[in-house]
Structure formats: structure tokens, C-alpha cells
Amino acid sequence: MNSNNIERLAKLFHERNNPKLPEIAFGTVVSANPVKVQLCAQNNVILSSKNMRSIVDLSERTPEGIYLYLNKTVAVCPYSNNHKYLVLGVVVDG
């Protein structure tokens, strides 16, 4: 085995033993039906039901039919090698 292969193998072991933890990101609910979230740090990234799951029902309405979370900020966490996102909750101004 040459030194390049040994070095590459060492890097692969290092990555496996020291996985990068997912980072929490923030987004804005830009559509409630269908649900779409725009990531704040990357304005061109829109998440939809295809690449997002949510703990919170982002399409929830008031008795008057107004969407509760439209234009609200949500916390999201990437998973599945950063190809899918989980909406953890709605940010409440405190």
C-alpha cells in the first residue's frame, strides 16, 4: 500500500470516529399549504415536504382559518447526510 492510500484510509477512519454533528439552522415558513420553509442563511434554499419533516403541524389554523405559523421563524436540524431536515419547533419571541 502506498503512502497516499494509507493517508486516505487514516482520514476515512478519522471521519468515521469523529462524525460531524448536525447544526441547528433557522428558517421562515413562507407557505402553509403546502408547507414550505426558506432557510435564513441560504435564501435560495426552500424546504418542502419532499425534504423536510416537522414535529409541529406548520399548517395549523385558528378557528377563523388563519395559519398560525405563516411567516414565523422555525428551528431546523439537518439529517440524512444534510439532505433532509427536521423542523424542531417554532421560535417564540420572549
Protein backbone atom coordinates (compact mmCIF):
# COMPACT_ATOMS: atom_id res chain seq x y z
CA MET A 1 0.00 0.00 0.00
CA ASN A 2 1.49 3.36 -0.95
CA SER A 3 1.56 6.34 1.38
CA ASN A 4 -1.34 8.15 -0.36
CA ASN A 5 -3.65 5.21 0.24
CA ILE A 6 -2.56 4.91 3.86
CA GLU A 7 -3.18 8.63 4.38
CA ARG A 8 -6.62 8.39 2.74
CA LEU A 9 -7.52 5.39 4.87
CA ALA A 10 -6.45 7.25 8.01
CA LYS A 11 -8.69 10.20 7.03
CA LEU A 12 -11.64 7.89 6.49
CA PHE A 13 -11.15 6.31 9.93
CA HIS A 14 -10.85 9.77 11.48
CA GLU A 15 -14.13 10.92 9.83
CA ARG A 16 -15.89 7.74 10.92
CA ASN A 17 -14.71 8.03 14.52
CA ASN A 18 -15.35 11.79 14.73
CA PRO A 19 -18.65 12.41 12.97
CA LYS A 20 -19.66 15.99 12.37
CA LEU A 21 -22.69 16.82 14.49
CA PRO A 22 -25.64 18.41 12.70
CA GLU A 23 -26.02 22.13 13.24
CA ILE A 24 -29.29 23.82 14.08
CA ALA A 25 -30.42 26.27 11.40
CA PHE A 26 -33.31 28.71 11.24
CA GLY A 27 -35.86 29.28 8.55
CA THR A 28 -39.09 31.11 7.84
CA VAL A 29 -42.40 29.47 6.99
CA VAL A 30 -43.13 31.04 3.59
CA SER A 31 -46.12 28.84 2.72
CA ALA A 32 -48.52 26.92 4.93
CA ASN A 33 -50.39 24.94 2.28
CA PRO A 34 -48.31 23.28 1.01
CA VAL A 35 -45.80 23.82 3.82
CA LYS A 36 -42.54 25.43 2.66
CA VAL A 37 -39.68 26.77 4.76
CA GLN A 38 -36.97 29.10 3.47
CA LEU A 39 -33.64 28.73 5.25
CA CYS A 40 -32.47 32.08 6.63
CA ALA A 41 -28.75 31.60 5.98
CA GLN A 42 -29.36 30.42 2.41
CA ASN A 43 -32.16 32.43 0.81
CA ASN A 44 -32.22 30.22 -2.26
CA VAL A 45 -32.97 27.03 -0.27
CA ILE A 46 -36.67 26.22 0.09
CA LEU A 47 -37.63 23.12 2.05
CA SER A 48 -40.83 21.26 1.23
CA SER A 49 -42.47 18.02 2.30
CA LYS A 50 -40.08 16.25 -0.08
CA ASN A 51 -37.02 17.08 2.05
CA MET A 52 -38.49 18.10 5.41
CA ARG A 53 -40.37 16.57 8.34
CA SER A 54 -41.82 18.52 11.23
CA ILE A 55 -42.59 17.87 14.88
CA VAL A 56 -45.01 20.82 14.73
CA ASP A 57 -48.05 20.96 12.42
CA LEU A 58 -46.97 24.02 10.43
CA SER A 59 -50.29 24.08 8.55
CA GLU A 60 -52.32 24.51 11.76
CA ARG A 61 -55.06 27.17 11.58
CA THR A 62 -57.02 29.27 14.03
CA PRO A 63 -60.82 28.78 14.17
CA GLU A 64 -61.03 31.76 11.78
CA GLY A 65 -58.87 29.91 9.23
CA ILE A 66 -55.68 31.95 9.71
CA TYR A 67 -52.44 29.96 9.51
CA LEU A 68 -50.71 30.13 12.90
CA TYR A 69 -47.12 29.74 11.73
CA LEU A 70 -47.05 31.56 8.39
CA ASN A 71 -44.03 33.96 8.30
CA LYS A 72 -42.80 32.61 11.67
CA THR A 73 -39.21 31.51 12.34
CA VAL A 74 -38.60 27.81 12.89
CA ALA A 75 -35.57 25.86 14.10
CA VAL A 76 -34.49 23.03 11.80
CA CYS A 77 -31.88 20.32 12.11
CA PRO A 78 -30.36 18.52 9.12
CA TYR A 79 -30.23 14.73 8.97
CA SER A 80 -29.70 12.05 6.34
CA ASN A 81 -26.31 13.50 5.38
CA ASN A 82 -27.75 17.05 5.24
CA HIS A 83 -30.23 16.13 2.51
CA LYS A 84 -33.32 16.22 4.73
CA TYR A 85 -34.38 18.47 7.59
CA LEU A 86 -36.43 18.08 10.76
CA VAL A 87 -38.38 21.10 12.00
CA LEU A 88 -37.86 21.09 15.76
CA GLY A 89 -40.18 23.92 16.69
CA VAL A 90 -41.32 27.49 16.22
CA VAL A 91 -39.21 30.29 17.68
CA VAL A 92 -41.21 32.32 20.20
CA ASP A 93 -40.16 35.90 20.87
CA GLY A 94 -39.61 36.07 24.57
